[in-house]
Each structure stands twice: as C-alpha cells, then as structure tokens.
C-alpha cells in the first residue's frame, strides 16, 4: 500500500471516529494556495479544522510531533481562506484539532493549537 492509500485509509478512520463522537463532516482534503486541511467538521456550532497524522511506529516520534509551527501556520491560513470562501462569519467559533493515529490506536488532541500557531499539547 502506498502513502496516499494509507493516508486515505487513516483519514477515513478519523472521519468514522469523529462522526461517532457527533461531528458533522463538512469537507475532506480542502486545498488552497496556502496548504491543505485534512478534515473540516462541525461540532455543535464550532467549526473544527482537523489535521490527521499517522505513524506505523512511535519509535522515532509521535505523529502529532509532525505538526510543527510552519504546518500549523499553513493550516490556519487555509482555514481563513475556507471561512472567506464560504462566507463564514468571524463570530462562528473555530478550533484546530490533531488526530494522531498509530498501531496502538487513535489520540484526539482537541484545540491542539491556537490561532496564533502556539501548540497547546
């Protein structure tokens, strides 16, 4: 299985997990010139931008460690573009989550980073 197939499989697994928790999946793999957001969902009235990271092993590093400052900034800029494109008011709350998937399971880091790109996990 190649990396794209593995990525698609794990994103599907992430969507299933989020839907089971009551999230509504709005979009997958949203691209802009700034970057990509893996999953855009709604939880209640909150817009949630989700980065999915998979690693078969955590020997070197945890999957969430791959979401560095540059990656967070790209996600934030893409989220801003999504809100602009869909005319979503700045009054609508949003947050940034990271779903970390390994052979041992799935870890959901809600509100993983702030709008300024600072890590909170």
PDB file of N, CA and C in Angstrom:
ATOM      1  N   UNK A   1       0.855  -1.182   0.000  1.00  0.00           N
ATOM      2  CA  UNK A   1       0.000   0.000   0.000  1.00  0.00           C
ATOM      3  C   UNK A   1       0.902   1.247   0.000  1.00  0.00           C
ATOM      4  N   UNK A   2       0.632   2.198  -0.893  1.00  0.00           N
ATOM      5  CA  UNK A   2       1.460   3.397  -0.943  1.00  0.00           C
ATOM      6  C   UNK A   2       1.006   4.436   0.087  1.00  0.00           C
ATOM      7  N   UNK A   3       1.778   5.501   0.227  1.00  0.00           N
ATOM      8  CA  UNK A   3       1.494   6.522   1.250  1.00  0.00           C
ATOM      9  C   UNK A   3       0.128   7.169   1.071  1.00  0.00           C
ATOM     10  N   UNK A   4      -0.273   7.453  -0.176  1.00  0.00           N
ATOM     11  CA  UNK A   4      -1.575   8.101  -0.425  1.00  0.00           C
ATOM     12  C   UNK A   4      -2.705   7.176  -0.012  1.00  0.00           C
ATOM     13  N   UNK A   5      -2.594   5.883  -0.351  1.00  0.00           N
ATOM     14  CA  UNK A   5      -3.633   4.918   0.031  1.00  0.00           C
ATOM     15  C   UNK A   5      -3.709   4.803   1.550  1.00  0.00           C
ATOM     16  N   UNK A   6      -2.554   4.758   2.202  1.00  0.00           N
ATOM     17  CA  UNK A   6      -2.519   4.697   3.664  1.00  0.00           C
ATOM     18  C   UNK A   6      -3.147   5.959   4.248  1.00  0.00           C
ATOM     19  N   UNK A   7      -2.797   7.112   3.697  1.00  0.00           N
ATOM     20  CA  UNK A   7      -3.371   8.378   4.158  1.00  0.00           C
ATOM     21  C   UNK A   7      -4.879   8.408   4.025  1.00  0.00           C
ATOM     22  N   UNK A   8      -5.383   7.965   2.875  1.00  0.00           N
ATOM     23  CA  UNK A   8      -6.834   7.925   2.661  1.00  0.00           C
ATOM     24  C   UNK A   8      -7.516   6.999   3.658  1.00  0.00           C
ATOM     25  N   UNK A   9      -6.905   5.835   3.883  1.00  0.00           N
ATOM     26  CA  UNK A   9      -7.477   4.876   4.835  1.00  0.00           C
ATOM     27  C   UNK A   9      -7.537   5.468   6.242  1.00  0.00           C
ATOM     28  N   UNK A  10      -6.460   6.113   6.664  1.00  0.00           N
ATOM     29  CA  UNK A  10      -6.422   6.673   8.016  1.00  0.00           C
ATOM     30  C   UNK A  10      -7.329   7.895   8.155  1.00  0.00           C
ATOM     31  N   UNK A  11      -7.462   8.688   7.090  1.00  0.00           N
ATOM     32  CA  UNK A  11      -8.415   9.807   7.128  1.00  0.00           C
ATOM     33  C   UNK A  11      -9.842   9.291   7.221  1.00  0.00           C
ATOM     34  N   UNK A  12     -10.121   8.190   6.547  1.00  0.00           N
ATOM     35  CA  UNK A  12     -11.451   7.571   6.636  1.00  0.00           C
ATOM     36  C   UNK A  12     -11.706   7.094   8.069  1.00  0.00           C
ATOM     37  N   UNK A  13     -10.702   6.491   8.647  1.00  0.00           N
ATOM     38  CA  UNK A  13     -10.789   6.046  10.051  1.00  0.00           C
ATOM     39  C   UNK A  13     -11.043   7.242  10.984  1.00  0.00           C
ATOM     40  N   UNK A  14     -10.364   8.351  10.717  1.00  0.00           N
ATOM     41  CA  UNK A  14     -10.546   9.567  11.517  1.00  0.00           C
ATOM     42  C   UNK A  14     -11.967  10.107  11.371  1.00  0.00           C
ATOM     43  N   UNK A  15     -12.494  10.111  10.144  1.00  0.00           N
ATOM     44  CA  UNK A  15     -13.869  10.584   9.920  1.00  0.00           C
ATOM     45  C   UNK A  15     -14.877   9.717  10.664  1.00  0.00           C
ATOM     46  N   UNK A  16     -14.676   8.407  10.600  1.00  0.00           N
ATOM     47  CA  UNK A  16     -15.571   7.481  11.305  1.00  0.00           C
ATOM     48  C   UNK A  16     -15.556   7.776  12.803  1.00  0.00           C
ATOM     49  N   UNK A  17     -14.369   7.979  13.353  1.00  0.00           N
ATOM     50  CA  UNK A  17     -14.214   8.307  14.771  1.00  0.00           C
ATOM     51  C   UNK A  17     -14.947   9.609  15.106  1.00  0.00           C
ATOM     52  N   UNK A  18     -14.731  10.649  14.299  1.00  0.00           N
ATOM     53  CA  UNK A  18     -15.357  11.949  14.567  1.00  0.00           C
ATOM     54  C   UNK A  18     -16.878  11.880  14.462  1.00  0.00           C
ATOM     55  N   UNK A  19     -17.388  11.174  13.446  1.00  0.00           N
ATOM     56  CA  UNK A  19     -18.839  11.043  13.297  1.00  0.00           C
ATOM     57  C   UNK A  19     -19.449  10.296  14.480  1.00  0.00           C
ATOM     58  N   UNK A  20     -18.743   9.303  14.986  1.00  0.00           N
ATOM     59  CA  UNK A  20     -19.225   8.556  16.154  1.00  0.00           C
ATOM     60  C   UNK A  20     -19.304   9.460  17.387  1.00  0.00           C
ATOM     61  N   UNK A  21     -18.466  10.515  17.421  1.00  0.00           N
ATOM     62  CA  UNK A  21     -18.490  11.478  18.515  1.00  0.00           C
ATOM     63  C   UNK A  21     -19.473  12.623  18.255  1.00  0.00           C
ATOM     64  N   UNK A  22     -20.239  12.543  17.159  1.00  0.00           N
ATOM     65  CA  UNK A  22     -21.265  13.535  16.876  1.00  0.00           C
ATOM     66  C   UNK A  22     -20.837  14.689  15.980  1.00  0.00           C
ATOM     67  N   UNK A  23     -19.653  14.607  15.405  1.00  0.00           N
ATOM     68  CA  UNK A  23     -19.199  15.649  14.484  1.00  0.00           C
ATOM     69  C   UNK A  23     -19.886  15.468  13.135  1.00  0.00           C
ATOM     70  N   UNK A  24     -20.129  16.576  12.455  1.00  0.00           N
ATOM     71  CA  UNK A  24     -20.621  16.544  11.087  1.00  0.00           C
ATOM     72  C   UNK A  24     -19.433  16.855  10.175  1.00  0.00           C
ATOM     73  N   UNK A  25     -19.127  15.954   9.275  1.00  0.00           N
ATOM     74  CA  UNK A  25     -18.004  16.161   8.353  1.00  0.00           C
ATOM     75  C   UNK A  25     -18.495  17.057   7.216  1.00  0.00           C
ATOM     76  N   UNK A  26     -17.849  18.214   7.055  1.00  0.00           N
ATOM     77  CA  UNK A  26     -18.231  19.162   6.012  1.00  0.00           C
ATOM     78  C   UNK A  26     -17.406  18.979   4.749  1.00  0.00           C
ATOM     79  N   UNK A  27     -16.128  18.694   4.921  1.00  0.00           N
ATOM     80  CA  UNK A  27     -15.247  18.593   3.767  1.00  0.00           C
ATOM     81  C   UNK A  27     -13.995  17.808   4.144  1.00  0.00           C
ATOM     82  N   UNK A  28     -13.424  17.153   3.132  1.00  0.00           N
ATOM     83  CA  UNK A  28     -12.153  16.442   3.318  1.00  0.00           C
ATOM     84  C   UNK A  28     -11.159  16.957   2.300  1.00  0.00           C
ATOM     85  N   UNK A  29      -9.902  17.024   2.716  1.00  0.00           N
ATOM     86  CA  UNK A  29      -8.807  17.432   1.830  1.00  0.00           C
ATOM     87  C   UNK A  29      -9.110  18.751   1.126  1.00  0.00           C
ATOM     88  N   UNK A  30      -9.386  19.767   1.927  1.00  0.00           N
ATOM     89  CA  UNK A  30      -9.643  21.099   1.380  1.00  0.00           C
ATOM     90  C   UNK A  30      -8.303  21.761   1.071  1.00  0.00           C
ATOM     91  N   UNK A  31      -8.125  22.136  -0.199  1.00  0.00           N
ATOM     92  CA  UNK A  31      -6.870  22.736  -0.645  1.00  0.00           C
ATOM     93  C   UNK A  31      -7.041  24.228  -0.909  1.00  0.00           C
ATOM     94  N   UNK A  32      -5.983  24.964  -0.636  1.00  0.00           N
ATOM     95  CA  UNK A  32      -5.869  26.359  -1.043  1.00  0.00           C
ATOM     96  C   UNK A  32      -4.422  26.570  -1.459  1.00  0.00           C
ATOM     97  N   UNK A  33      -4.103  27.758  -1.920  1.00  0.00           N
ATOM     98  CA  UNK A  33      -2.709  28.014  -2.290  1.00  0.00           C
ATOM     99  C   UNK A  33      -1.802  28.038  -1.062  1.00  0.00           C
ATOM    100  N   UNK A  34      -2.407  28.111   0.113  1.00  0.00           N
ATOM    101  CA  UNK A  34      -1.633  28.147   1.363  1.00  0.00           C
ATOM    102  C   UNK A  34      -1.295  26.760   1.884  1.00  0.00           C
ATOM    103  N   UNK A  35      -2.149  25.781   1.562  1.00  0.00           N
ATOM    104  CA  UNK A  35      -1.937  24.433   2.078  1.00  0.00           C
ATOM    105  C   UNK A  35      -3.202  23.611   2.019  1.00  0.00           C
ATOM    106  N   UNK A  36      -3.293  22.646   2.901  1.00  0.00           N
ATOM    107  CA  UNK A  36      -4.417  21.713   2.922  1.00  0.00           C
ATOM    108  C   UNK A  36      -4.866  21.488   4.352  1.00  0.00           C
ATOM    109  N   UNK A  37      -6.178  21.284   4.507  1.00  0.00           N
ATOM    110  CA  UNK A  37      -6.744  20.825   5.777  1.00  0.00           C
ATOM    111  C   UNK A  37      -7.352  19.459   5.491  1.00  0.00           C
ATOM    112  N   UNK A  38      -6.988  18.460   6.301  1.00  0.00           N
ATOM    113  CA  UNK A  38      -7.450  17.088   6.059  1.00  0.00           C
ATOM    114  C   UNK A  38      -8.954  16.944   6.198  1.00  0.00           C
ATOM    115  N   UNK A  39      -9.491  17.459   7.315  1.00  0.00           N
ATOM    116  CA  UNK A  39     -10.930  17.326   7.578  1.00  0.00           C
ATOM    117  C   UNK A  39     -11.448  18.645   8.139  1.00  0.00           C
ATOM    118  N   UNK A  40     -12.583  19.088   7.603  1.00  0.00           N
ATOM    119  CA  UNK A  40     -13.286  20.235   8.173  1.00  0.00           C
ATOM    120  C   UNK A  40     -14.619  19.698   8.654  1.00  0.00           C
ATOM    121  N   UNK A  41     -14.902  19.936   9.931  1.00  0.00           N
ATOM    122  CA  UNK A  41     -16.097  19.369  10.544  1.00  0.00           C
ATOM    123  C   UNK A  41     -16.785  20.418  11.406  1.00  0.00           C
ATOM    124  N   UNK A  42     -17.980  20.072  11.862  1.00  0.00           N
ATOM    125  CA  UNK A  42     -18.709  20.911  12.806  1.00  0.00           C
ATOM    126  C   UNK A  42     -19.024  20.085  14.039  1.00  0.00           C
ATOM    127  N   UNK A  43     -18.791  20.684  15.185  1.00  0.00           N
ATOM    128  CA  UNK A  43     -19.203  20.085  16.453  1.00  0.00           C
ATOM    129  C   UNK A  43     -20.077  21.133  17.115  1.00  0.00           C
ATOM    130  N   UNK A  44     -21.385  20.878  17.130  1.00  0.00           N
ATOM    131  CA  UNK A  44     -22.306  21.902  17.599  1.00  0.00           C
ATOM    132  C   UNK A  44     -22.230  23.086  16.648  1.00  0.00           C
ATOM    133  N   UNK A  45     -21.934  24.282  17.195  1.00  0.00           N
ATOM    134  CA  UNK A  45     -21.800  25.450  16.315  1.00  0.00           C
ATOM    135  C   UNK A  45     -20.333  25.820  16.075  1.00  0.00           C
ATOM    136  N   UNK A  46     -19.409  24.941  16.481  1.00  0.00           N
ATOM    137  CA  UNK A  46     -17.978  25.197  16.320  1.00  0.00           C
ATOM    138  C   UNK A  46     -17.460  24.537  15.047  1.00  0.00           C
ATOM    139  N   UNK A  47     -16.737  25.315  14.260  1.00  0.00           N
ATOM    140  CA  UNK A  47     -16.072  24.821  13.066  1.00  0.00           C
ATOM    141  C   UNK A  47     -14.734  24.243  13.498  1.00  0.00           C
ATOM    142  N   UNK A  48     -14.454  22.997  13.105  1.00  0.00           N
ATOM    143  CA  UNK A  48     -13.250  22.308  13.558  1.00  0.00           C
ATOM    144  C   UNK A  48     -12.391  21.919  12.343  1.00  0.00           C
ATOM    145  N   UNK A  49     -11.148  22.388  12.348  1.00  0.00           N
ATOM    146  CA  UNK A  49     -10.186  22.056  11.302  1.00  0.00           C
ATOM    147  C   UNK A  49      -9.267  20.984  11.865  1.00  0.00           C
ATOM    148  N   UNK A  50      -9.254  19.824  11.221  1.00  0.00           N
ATOM    149  CA  UNK A  50      -8.573  18.656  11.772  1.00  0.00           C
ATOM    150  C   UNK A  50      -7.402  18.229  10.889  1.00  0.00           C
ATOM    151  N   UNK A  51      -6.248  18.099  11.505  1.00  0.00           N
ATOM    152  CA  UNK A  51      -5.064  17.541  10.841  1.00  0.00           C
ATOM    153  C   UNK A  51      -4.927  16.097  11.308  1.00  0.00           C
ATOM    154  N   UNK A  52      -4.827  15.168  10.368  1.00  0.00           N
ATOM    155  CA  UNK A  52      -4.688  13.749  10.682  1.00  0.00           C
ATOM    156  C   UNK A  52      -3.238  13.352  10.442  1.00  0.00           C
ATOM    157  N   UNK A  53      -2.615  12.758  11.451  1.00  0.00           N
ATOM    158  CA  UNK A  53      -1.236  12.288  11.318  1.00  0.00           C
ATOM    159  C   UNK A  53      -1.172  10.815  11.706  1.00  0.00           C
ATOM    160  N   UNK A  54      -0.570  10.021  10.827  1.00  0.00           N
ATOM    161  CA  UNK A  54      -0.439   8.579  11.055  1.00  0.00           C
ATOM    162  C   UNK A  54       1.037   8.201  11.062  1.00  0.00           C
ATOM    163  N   UNK A  55       1.392   7.340  11.979  1.00  0.00           N
ATOM    164  CA  UNK A  55       2.717   6.720  12.007  1.00  0.00           C
ATOM    165  C   UNK A  55       2.525   5.260  12.373  1.00  0.00           C
ATOM    166  N   UNK A  56       3.204   4.381  11.641  1.00  0.00           N
ATOM    167  CA  UNK A  56       3.083   2.955  11.954  1.00  0.00           C
ATOM    168  C   UNK A  56       3.800   2.636  13.257  1.00  0.00           C
ATOM    169  N   UNK A  57       4.780   3.476  13.607  1.00  0.00           N
ATOM    170  CA  UNK A  57       5.543   3.254  14.829  1.00  0.00           C
ATOM    171  C   UNK A  57       5.841   4.597  15.490  1.00  0.00           C
ATOM    172  N   UNK A  58       5.938   4.583  16.802  1.00  0.00           N
ATOM    173  CA  UNK A  58       6.286   5.815  17.527  1.00  0.00           C
ATOM    174  C   UNK A  58       7.724   5.756  18.036  1.00  0.00           C
ATOM    175  N   UNK A  59       8.534   4.842  17.494  1.00  0.00           N
ATOM    176  CA  UNK A  59       9.930   4.713  17.942  1.00  0.00           C
ATOM    177  C   UNK A  59      10.706   6.019  17.760  1.00  0.00           C
ATOM    178  N   UNK A  60      10.493   6.689  16.636  1.00  0.00           N
ATOM    179  CA  UNK A  60      11.225   7.924  16.357  1.00  0.00           C
ATOM    180  C   UNK A  60      10.513   9.127  16.969  1.00  0.00           C
ATOM    181  N   UNK A  61       9.207   9.260  16.704  1.00  0.00           N
ATOM    182  CA  UNK A  61       8.443  10.391  17.230  1.00  0.00           C
ATOM    183  C   UNK A  61       6.956  10.080  17.147  1.00  0.00           C
ATOM    184  N   UNK A  62       6.196  10.768  17.972  1.00  0.00           N
ATOM    185  CA  UNK A  62       4.740  10.635  17.932  1.00  0.00           C
ATOM    186  C   UNK A  62       4.216  11.352  16.691  1.00  0.00           C
ATOM    187  N   UNK A  63       3.104  10.891  16.113  1.00  0.00           N
ATOM    188  CA  UNK A  63       2.579  11.518  14.904  1.00  0.00           C
ATOM    189  C   UNK A  63       2.318  13.014  15.069  1.00  0.00           C
ATOM    190  N   UNK A  64       1.789  13.411  16.214  1.00  0.00           N
ATOM    191  CA  UNK A  64       1.454  14.825  16.426  1.00  0.00           C
ATOM    192  C   UNK A  64       2.681  15.729  16.418  1.00  0.00           C
ATOM    193  N   UNK A  65       3.863  15.152  16.663  1.00  0.00           N
ATOM    194  CA  UNK A  65       5.102  15.936  16.621  1.00  0.00           C
ATOM    195  C   UNK A  65       5.400  16.459  15.216  1.00  0.00           C
ATOM    196  N   UNK A  66       4.784  15.860  14.199  1.00  0.00           N
ATOM    197  CA  UNK A  66       4.998  16.286  12.813  1.00  0.00           C
ATOM    198  C   UNK A  66       4.204  17.543  12.453  1.00  0.00           C
ATOM    199  N   UNK A  67       3.369  18.010  13.388  1.00  0.00           N
ATOM    200  CA  UNK A  67       2.592  19.225  13.140  1.00  0.00           C
ATOM    201  C   UNK A  67       3.356  20.385  13.781  1.00  0.00           C
ATOM    202  N   UNK A  68       4.380  20.818  13.080  1.00  0.00           N
ATOM    203  CA  UNK A  68       5.230  21.893  13.578  1.00  0.00           C
ATOM    204  C   UNK A  68       4.623  23.263  13.319  1.00  0.00           C
ATOM    205  N   UNK A  69       5.370  24.293  13.698  1.00  0.00           N
ATOM    206  CA  UNK A  69       4.873  25.662  13.590  1.00  0.00           C
ATOM    207  C   UNK A  69       4.506  26.031  12.151  1.00  0.00           C
ATOM    208  N   UNK A  70       5.358  25.691  11.180  1.00  0.00           N
ATOM    209  CA  UNK A  70       5.063  26.019   9.781  1.00  0.00           C
ATOM    210  C   UNK A  70       3.785  25.343   9.308  1.00  0.00           C
ATOM    211  N   UNK A  71       3.618  24.076   9.678  1.00  0.00           N
ATOM    212  CA  UNK A  71       2.419  23.328   9.292  1.00  0.00           C
ATOM    213  C   UNK A  71       1.184  23.955   9.930  1.00  0.00           C
ATOM    214  N   UNK A  72       1.288  24.343  11.192  1.00  0.00           N
ATOM    215  CA  UNK A  72       0.152  24.983  11.872  1.00  0.00           C
ATOM    216  C   UNK A  72      -0.219  26.293  11.182  1.00  0.00           C
ATOM    217  N   UNK A  73       0.780  27.096  10.805  1.00  0.00           N
ATOM    218  CA  UNK A  73       0.514  28.368  10.112  1.00  0.00           C
ATOM    219  C   UNK A  73      -0.191  28.114   8.777  1.00  0.00           C
ATOM    220  N   UNK A  74       0.227  27.085   8.037  1.00  0.00           N
ATOM    221  CA  UNK A  74      -0.434  26.764   6.756  1.00  0.00           C
ATOM    222  C   UNK A  74      -1.885  26.346   6.983  1.00  0.00           C
ATOM    223  N   UNK A  75      -2.123  25.565   8.021  1.00  0.00           N
ATOM    224  CA  UNK A  75      -3.490  25.136   8.334  1.00  0.00           C
ATOM    225  C   UNK A  75      -4.348  26.352   8.697  1.00  0.00           C
ATOM    226  N   UNK A  76      -3.808  27.248   9.499  1.00  0.00           N
ATOM    227  CA  UNK A  76      -4.545  28.451   9.912  1.00  0.00           C
ATOM    228  C   UNK A  76      -4.885  29.308   8.696  1.00  0.00           C
ATOM    229  N   UNK A  77      -3.913  29.518   7.810  1.00  0.00           N
ATOM    230  CA  UNK A  77      -4.165  30.333   6.614  1.00  0.00           C
ATOM    231  C   UNK A  77      -5.198  29.665   5.704  1.00  0.00           C
ATOM    232  N   UNK A  78      -5.140  28.345   5.590  1.00  0.00           N
ATOM    233  CA  UNK A  78      -6.121  27.615   4.780  1.00  0.00           C
ATOM    234  C   UNK A  78      -7.500  27.706   5.427  1.00  0.00           C
ATOM    235  N   UNK A  79      -7.557  27.637   6.745  1.00  0.00           N
ATOM    236  CA  UNK A  79      -8.834  27.778   7.467  1.00  0.00           C
ATOM    237  C   UNK A  79      -9.421  29.168   7.224  1.00  0.00           C
ATOM    238  N   UNK A  80      -8.588  30.198   7.257  1.00  0.00           N
ATOM    239  CA  UNK A  80      -9.064  31.558   6.973  1.00  0.00           C
ATOM    240  C   UNK A  80      -9.641  31.649   5.565  1.00  0.00           C
ATOM    241  N   UNK A  81      -8.951  31.029   4.603  1.00  0.00           N
ATOM    242  CA  UNK A  81      -9.430  31.029   3.231  1.00  0.00           C
ATOM    243  C   UNK A  81     -10.778  30.290   3.127  1.00  0.00           C
ATOM    244  N   UNK A  82     -10.890  29.154   3.811  1.00  0.00           N
ATOM    245  CA  UNK A  82     -12.145  28.388   3.805  1.00  0.00           C
ATOM    246  C   UNK A  82     -13.293  29.254   4.335  1.00  0.00           C
ATOM    247  N   UNK A  83     -13.044  29.936   5.447  1.00  0.00           N
ATOM    248  CA  UNK A  83     -14.084  30.797   6.040  1.00  0.00           C
ATOM    249  C   UNK A  83     -14.468  31.916   5.083  1.00  0.00           C
ATOM    250  N   UNK A  84     -13.484  32.514   4.421  1.00  0.00           N
ATOM    251  CA  UNK A  84     -13.743  33.584   3.463  1.00  0.00           C
ATOM    252  C   UNK A  84     -14.533  33.060   2.263  1.00  0.00           C
ATOM    253  N   UNK A  85     -14.079  31.947   1.707  1.00  0.00           N
ATOM    254  CA  UNK A  85     -14.712  31.351   0.524  1.00  0.00           C
ATOM    255  C   UNK A  85     -16.173  30.987   0.791  1.00  0.00           C
ATOM    256  N   UNK A  86     -16.447  30.493   1.987  1.00  0.00           N
ATOM    257  CA  UNK A  86     -17.804  30.044   2.335  1.00  0.00           C
ATOM    258  C   UNK A  86     -18.597  31.100   3.100  1.00  0.00           C
ATOM    259  N   UNK A  87     -18.030  32.307   3.163  1.00  0.00           N
ATOM    260  CA  UNK A  87     -18.692  33.444   3.835  1.00  0.00           C
ATOM    261  C   UNK A  87     -19.131  33.089   5.258  1.00  0.00           C
ATOM    262  N   UNK A  88     -18.211  32.507   6.001  1.00  0.00           N
ATOM    263  CA  UNK A  88     -18.482  32.132   7.386  1.00  0.00           C
ATOM    264  C   UNK A  88     -18.015  33.281   8.273  1.00  0.00           C
ATOM    265  N   UNK A  89     -18.924  33.792   9.059  1.00  0.00           N
ATOM    266  CA  UNK A  89     -18.658  34.946   9.910  1.00  0.00           C
ATOM    267  C   UNK A  89     -17.525  34.669  10.896  1.00  0.00           C
ATOM    268  N   UNK A  90     -16.791  35.720  11.228  1.00  0.00           N
ATOM    269  CA  UNK A  90     -15.740  35.599  12.246  1.00  0.00           C
ATOM    270  C   UNK A  90     -16.328  35.322  13.626  1.00  0.00           C
ATOM    271  N   UNK A  91     -17.646  35.524  13.772  1.00  0.00           N
ATOM    272  CA  UNK A  91     -18.315  35.236  15.040  1.00  0.00           C
ATOM    273  C   UNK A  91     -18.485  33.736  15.281  1.00  0.00           C
ATOM    274  N   UNK A  92     -18.383  32.945  14.209  1.00  0.00           N
ATOM    275  CA  UNK A  92     -18.515  31.486  14.348  1.00  0.00           C
ATOM    276  C   UNK A  92     -17.230  30.968  14.983  1.00  0.00           C
ATOM    277  N   UNK A  93     -17.348  30.301  16.145  1.00  0.00           N
ATOM    278  CA  UNK A  93     -16.136  29.798  16.799  1.00  0.00           C
ATOM    279  C   UNK A  93     -15.477  28.693  15.973  1.00  0.00           C
ATOM    280  N   UNK A  94     -14.153  28.663  16.018  1.00  0.00           N
ATOM    281  CA  UNK A  94     -13.440  27.587  15.345  1.00  0.00           C
ATOM    282  C   UNK A  94     -12.272  27.141  16.217  1.00  0.00           C
ATOM    283  N   UNK A  95     -11.830  25.922  15.938  1.00  0.00           N
ATOM    284  CA  UNK A  95     -10.667  25.407  16.657  1.00  0.00           C
ATOM    285  C   UNK A  95      -9.907  24.460  15.750  1.00  0.00           C
ATOM    286  N   UNK A  96      -8.696  24.134  16.201  1.00  0.00           N
ATOM    287  CA  UNK A  96      -7.792  23.297  15.422  1.00  0.00           C
ATOM    288  C   UNK A  96      -7.459  22.050  16.230  1.00  0.00           C
ATOM    289  N   UNK A  97      -7.814  20.887  15.680  1.00  0.00           N
ATOM    290  CA  UNK A  97      -7.565  19.611  16.333  1.00  0.00           C
ATOM    291  C   UNK A  97      -6.512  18.823  15.557  1.00  0.00           C
ATOM    292  N   UNK A  98      -5.856  17.914  16.260  1.00  0.00           N
ATOM    293  CA  UNK A  98      -4.947  16.966  15.620  1.00  0.00           C
ATOM    294  C   UNK A  98      -5.382  15.570  16.046  1.00  0.00           C
ATOM    295  N   UNK A  99      -5.563  14.691  15.053  1.00  0.00           N
ATOM    296  CA  UNK A  99      -5.847  13.286  15.317  1.00  0.00           C
ATOM    297  C   UNK A  99      -4.578  12.508  15.022  1.00  0.00           C
ATOM    298  N   UNK A 100      -4.043  11.894  16.047  1.00  0.00           N
ATOM    299  CA  UNK A 100      -2.796  11.153  15.978  1.00  0.00           C
ATOM    300  C   UNK A 100      -3.134   9.662  15.945  1.00  0.00           C
ATOM    301  N   UNK A 101      -2.741   8.990  14.868  1.00  0.00           N
ATOM    302  CA  UNK A 101      -3.090   7.575  14.703  1.00  0.00           C
ATOM    303  C   UNK A 101      -1.814   6.741  14.627  1.00  0.00           C
ATOM    304  N   UNK A 102      -1.781   5.691  15.444  1.00  0.00           N
ATOM    305  CA  UNK A 102      -0.671   4.738  15.425  1.00  0.00           C
ATOM    306  C   UNK A 102      -1.254   3.330  15.449  1.00  0.00           C
ATOM    307  N   UNK A 103      -0.383   2.346  15.425  1.00  0.00           N
ATOM    308  CA  UNK A 103      -0.829   0.963  15.547  1.00  0.00           C
ATOM    309  C   UNK A 103      -1.532   0.702  16.876  1.00  0.00           C
ATOM    310  N   UNK A 104      -1.199   1.514  17.888  1.00  0.00           N
ATOM    311  CA  UNK A 104      -1.813   1.340  19.210  1.00  0.00           C
ATOM    312  C   UNK A 104      -3.194   1.974  19.319  1.00  0.00           C
ATOM    313  N   UNK A 105      -3.535   2.859  18.386  1.00  0.00           N
ATOM    314  CA  UNK A 105      -4.851   3.484  18.452  1.00  0.00           C
ATOM    315  C   UNK A 105      -4.837   4.928  17.986  1.00  0.00           C
ATOM    316  N   UNK A 106      -5.858   5.632  18.416  1.00  0.00           N
ATOM    317  CA  UNK A 106      -6.082   6.988  17.971  1.00  0.00           C
ATOM    318  C   UNK A 106      -6.114   7.921  19.168  1.00  0.00           C
ATOM    319  N   UNK A 107      -5.436   9.056  19.069  1.00  0.00           N
ATOM    320  CA  UNK A 107      -5.456  10.092  20.112  1.00  0.00           C
ATOM    321  C   UNK A 107      -6.004  11.362  19.499  1.00  0.00           C
ATOM    322  N   UNK A 108      -7.013  11.927  20.151  1.00  0.00           N
ATOM    323  CA  UNK A 108      -7.638  13.149  19.651  1.00  0.00           C
ATOM    324  C   UNK A 108      -7.180  14.317  20.516  1.00  0.00           C
ATOM    325  N   UNK A 109      -6.420  15.224  19.910  1.00  0.00           N
ATOM    326  CA  UNK A 109      -5.963  16.428  20.607  1.00  0.00           C
ATOM    327  C   UNK A 109      -6.895  17.562  20.203  1.00  0.00           C
ATOM    328  N   UNK A 110      -7.924  17.792  21.030  1.00  0.00           N
ATOM    329  CA  UNK A 110      -8.836  18.899  20.754  1.00  0.00           C
ATOM    330  C   UNK A 110      -8.135  20.205  21.084  1.00  0.00           C
ATOM    331  N   UNK A 111      -8.400  21.222  20.255  1.00  0.00           N
ATOM    332  CA  UNK A 111      -7.796  22.535  20.457  1.00  0.00           C
ATOM    333  C   UNK A 111      -6.273  22.404  20.573  1.00  0.00           C
ATOM    334  N   UNK A 112      -5.684  21.678  19.629  1.00  0.00           N
ATOM    335  CA  UNK A 112      -4.255  21.345  19.664  1.00  0.00           C
ATOM    336  C   UNK A 112      -3.362  22.568  19.537  1.00  0.00           C
ATOM    337  N   UNK A 113      -3.843  23.596  18.838  1.00  0.00           N
ATOM    338  CA  UNK A 113      -3.079  24.838  18.750  1.00  0.00           C
ATOM    339  C   UNK A 113      -4.033  26.006  18.574  1.00  0.00           C
ATOM    340  N   UNK A 114      -3.526  27.172  18.929  1.00  0.00           N
ATOM    341  CA  UNK A 114      -4.312  28.387  18.882  1.00  0.00           C
ATOM    342  C   UNK A 114      -4.203  29.052  17.518  1.00  0.00           C
ATOM    343  N   UNK A 115      -5.005  30.089  17.325  1.00  0.00           N
ATOM    344  CA  UNK A 115      -4.987  30.829  16.076  1.00  0.00           C
ATOM    345  C   UNK A 115      -3.622  31.484  15.816  1.00  0.00           C
ATOM    346  N   UNK A 116      -2.843  31.699  16.851  1.00  0.00           N
ATOM    347  CA  UNK A 116      -1.521  32.289  16.653  1.00  0.00           C
ATOM    348  C   UNK A 116      -0.463  31.219  16.345  1.00  0.00           C
ATOM    349  N   UNK A 117      -0.878  29.950  16.299  1.00  0.00           N
ATOM    350  CA  UNK A 117       0.024  28.873  15.936  1.00  0.00           C
ATOM    351  C   UNK A 117       0.734  28.231  17.113  1.00  0.00           C
ATOM    352  N   UNK A 118       0.448  28.711  18.332  1.00  0.00           N
ATOM    353  CA  UNK A 118       1.106  28.118  19.505  1.00  0.00           C
ATOM    354  C   UNK A 118       0.495  26.770  19.826  1.00  0.00           C
ATOM    355  N   UNK A 119       1.358  25.809  20.059  1.00  0.00           N
ATOM    356  CA  UNK A 119       0.967  24.450  20.424  1.00  0.00           C
ATOM    357  C   UNK A 119       0.345  24.448  21.821  1.00  0.00           C
ATOM    358  N   UNK A 120      -0.696  23.642  22.002  1.00  0.00           N
ATOM    359  CA  UNK A 120      -1.251  23.538  23.350  1.00  0.00           C
ATOM    360  C   UNK A 120      -1.238  22.109  23.860  1.00  0.00           C
ATOM    361  N   UNK A 121      -0.496  21.212  23.177  1.00  0.00           N
ATOM    362  CA  UNK A 121      -0.341  19.848  23.721  1.00  0.00           C
ATOM    363  C   UNK A 121       1.116  19.517  23.900  1.00  0.00           C
TER     364      UNK A 121
END
